[in-house]
Amino acid sequence: MSNKTSIHFLMPGAVYNLKATDRIFEAFQIGASHWISPRWWVLGATGLTFDAGAFYTVDKLSQIKANTGLPSFSLGTGFELWSKGKYGIDLQYRYFYGRSKLDDGDHRTGQAHVVLLGFNLY
C-alpha cells in the first residue's frame, strides 16, 4: 500500500491434543502491518477459524472433518534486528485467538502466544 503499510495473508495456528489425538487450530486471515519507526512494526489481522484433526492422524485427507467459525484475529509486533538490501531479520511477538462452532452447537476457542525470529525478503 505504501512504504510504511502493507497487506498480508496469514495462517496462524497451533497443534493441540484432545482425547489423545493431535488436532490443529488455525485460521485464514487478512491483515495489515504498519512500520511505526524504521525498525519497529505492528500487525493486525482477522479472518475465519478452522479446527480439525491433524493431517498426519488420518488415513485419507478426505476423512478430515473441520469445524469453522468466527471470529479469529491476530495481533503482533516486531523489531528489526538486522537488514541489508532486500533482506532483514526481526524478533516478533504474535497473539492468535480463534473460535470455531462444533456440531453439537457448542464452540471451541483457542489462543496462542508466539515469539518468532523472522527472516524477511522485502
Protein backbone atom coordinates (compact mmCIF):
# COMPACT_ATOMS: atom_id res chain seq x y z
CA MET A 1 0.00 0.00 0.00
CA SER A 2 2.86 2.36 0.88
CA ASN A 3 6.42 2.35 2.17
CA LYS A 4 5.09 2.03 5.75
CA THR A 5 1.90 -0.07 5.37
CA SER A 6 1.32 -3.45 3.71
CA ILE A 7 -1.46 -6.04 3.36
CA HIS A 8 -0.82 -9.68 4.35
CA PHE A 9 -2.46 -13.09 4.15
CA LEU A 10 -1.81 -15.03 7.38
CA MET A 11 -2.36 -18.62 8.51
CA PRO A 12 -1.65 -18.57 12.25
CA GLY A 13 -2.31 -21.59 14.41
CA ALA A 14 -1.09 -24.37 16.61
CA VAL A 15 -1.30 -28.12 17.16
CA TYR A 16 -3.04 -29.31 20.35
CA ASN A 17 -4.04 -32.65 21.85
CA LEU A 18 -7.68 -33.61 22.53
CA LYS A 19 -8.64 -37.10 23.77
CA ALA A 20 -5.19 -38.48 22.86
CA THR A 21 -5.42 -37.16 19.26
CA ASP A 22 -3.47 -34.30 17.71
CA ARG A 23 -5.60 -31.52 16.23
CA ILE A 24 -4.90 -28.20 14.53
CA PHE A 25 -6.49 -24.87 15.43
CA GLU A 26 -5.71 -22.38 12.68
CA ALA A 27 -7.16 -19.51 10.66
CA PHE A 28 -7.18 -17.88 7.25
CA GLN A 29 -6.72 -14.16 7.88
CA ILE A 30 -6.19 -10.94 6.02
CA GLY A 31 -4.36 -8.17 7.81
CA ALA A 32 -2.16 -5.14 7.61
CA SER A 33 1.18 -4.19 9.09
CA HIS A 34 2.46 -0.69 9.66
CA TRP A 35 6.01 0.49 10.39
CA ILE A 36 5.89 2.77 13.46
CA SER A 37 9.59 3.61 13.11
CA PRO A 38 12.36 2.48 10.74
CA ARG A 39 12.87 -0.72 12.81
CA TRP A 40 9.55 -1.33 14.65
CA TRP A 41 6.28 -2.58 13.13
CA VAL A 42 2.79 -3.61 14.33
CA LEU A 43 0.33 -6.06 12.76
CA GLY A 44 -3.41 -6.73 12.97
CA ALA A 45 -5.46 -9.37 11.12
CA THR A 46 -8.88 -11.03 11.17
CA GLY A 47 -10.49 -13.97 9.42
CA LEU A 48 -12.05 -17.44 9.59
CA THR A 49 -11.08 -20.05 12.22
CA PHE A 50 -10.85 -23.76 11.47
CA ASP A 51 -10.33 -26.67 13.84
CA ALA A 52 -9.63 -30.19 12.53
CA GLY A 53 -7.71 -33.37 13.09
CA ALA A 54 -4.05 -33.02 12.17
CA PHE A 55 -3.42 -34.34 8.65
CA TYR A 56 -0.99 -36.99 9.91
CA THR A 57 -3.62 -38.54 12.23
CA VAL A 58 -5.99 -39.73 9.44
CA ASP A 59 -5.57 -42.33 6.70
CA LYS A 60 -7.22 -40.22 3.96
CA LEU A 61 -7.29 -36.43 3.82
CA SER A 62 -10.96 -36.67 2.77
CA GLN A 63 -11.72 -38.01 6.30
CA ILE A 64 -10.73 -34.71 7.95
CA LYS A 65 -13.81 -33.00 9.39
CA ALA A 66 -13.19 -29.31 10.02
CA ASN A 67 -15.12 -27.06 12.37
CA THR A 68 -15.13 -23.43 11.28
CA GLY A 69 -16.18 -20.20 12.90
CA LEU A 70 -15.78 -16.54 13.59
CA PRO A 71 -14.03 -14.59 14.87
CA SER A 72 -10.34 -15.08 14.61
CA PHE A 73 -7.78 -12.37 14.99
CA SER A 74 -4.06 -11.86 15.31
CA LEU A 75 -2.09 -9.02 16.82
CA GLY A 76 1.66 -8.70 16.62
CA THR A 77 4.71 -6.54 16.76
CA GLY A 78 8.28 -6.90 15.65
CA PHE A 79 11.63 -5.18 15.87
CA GLU A 80 14.12 -5.46 13.03
CA LEU A 81 17.50 -6.58 14.38
CA TRP A 82 19.42 -6.55 11.10
CA SER A 83 18.80 -5.57 7.48
CA LYS A 84 20.85 -5.39 4.31
CA GLY A 85 19.39 -4.60 0.91
CA LYS A 86 16.14 -6.53 0.50
CA TYR A 87 16.77 -8.87 3.46
CA GLY A 88 16.06 -8.49 7.16
CA ILE A 89 15.93 -10.39 10.44
CA ASP A 90 13.47 -9.40 13.13
CA LEU A 91 12.28 -10.54 16.54
CA GLN A 92 8.47 -10.91 16.59
CA TYR A 93 5.67 -11.46 19.08
CA ARG A 94 2.26 -12.63 17.84
CA TYR A 95 -1.01 -13.38 19.59
CA PHE A 96 -3.67 -15.53 17.88
CA TYR A 97 -7.28 -16.06 19.01
CA GLY A 98 -9.94 -18.11 17.27
CA ARG A 99 -13.38 -19.56 17.90
CA SER A 100 -14.99 -22.45 15.99
CA LYS A 101 -18.51 -23.84 16.12
CA LEU A 102 -18.88 -27.54 16.97
CA ASP A 103 -21.52 -29.92 15.58
CA ASP A 104 -23.44 -30.01 18.88
CA GLY A 105 -23.92 -26.22 18.83
CA ASP A 106 -21.16 -25.56 21.34
CA HIS A 107 -17.93 -23.81 20.42
CA ARG A 108 -14.20 -24.22 20.96
CA THR A 109 -11.76 -21.36 21.47
CA GLY A 110 -8.02 -21.37 21.06
CA GLN A 111 -5.24 -18.93 21.81
CA ALA A 112 -1.53 -18.89 21.06
CA HIS A 113 1.27 -16.57 22.17
CA VAL A 114 4.29 -16.93 19.89
CA VAL A 115 7.79 -15.44 19.86
CA LEU A 116 9.47 -15.76 16.45
CA LEU A 117 12.71 -14.97 14.72
CA GLY A 118 11.71 -13.73 11.27
CA PHE A 119 13.79 -13.92 8.09
CA ASN A 120 12.26 -11.42 5.67
CA LEU A 121 12.56 -10.56 1.99
CA TYR A 122 11.34 -7.06 1.16
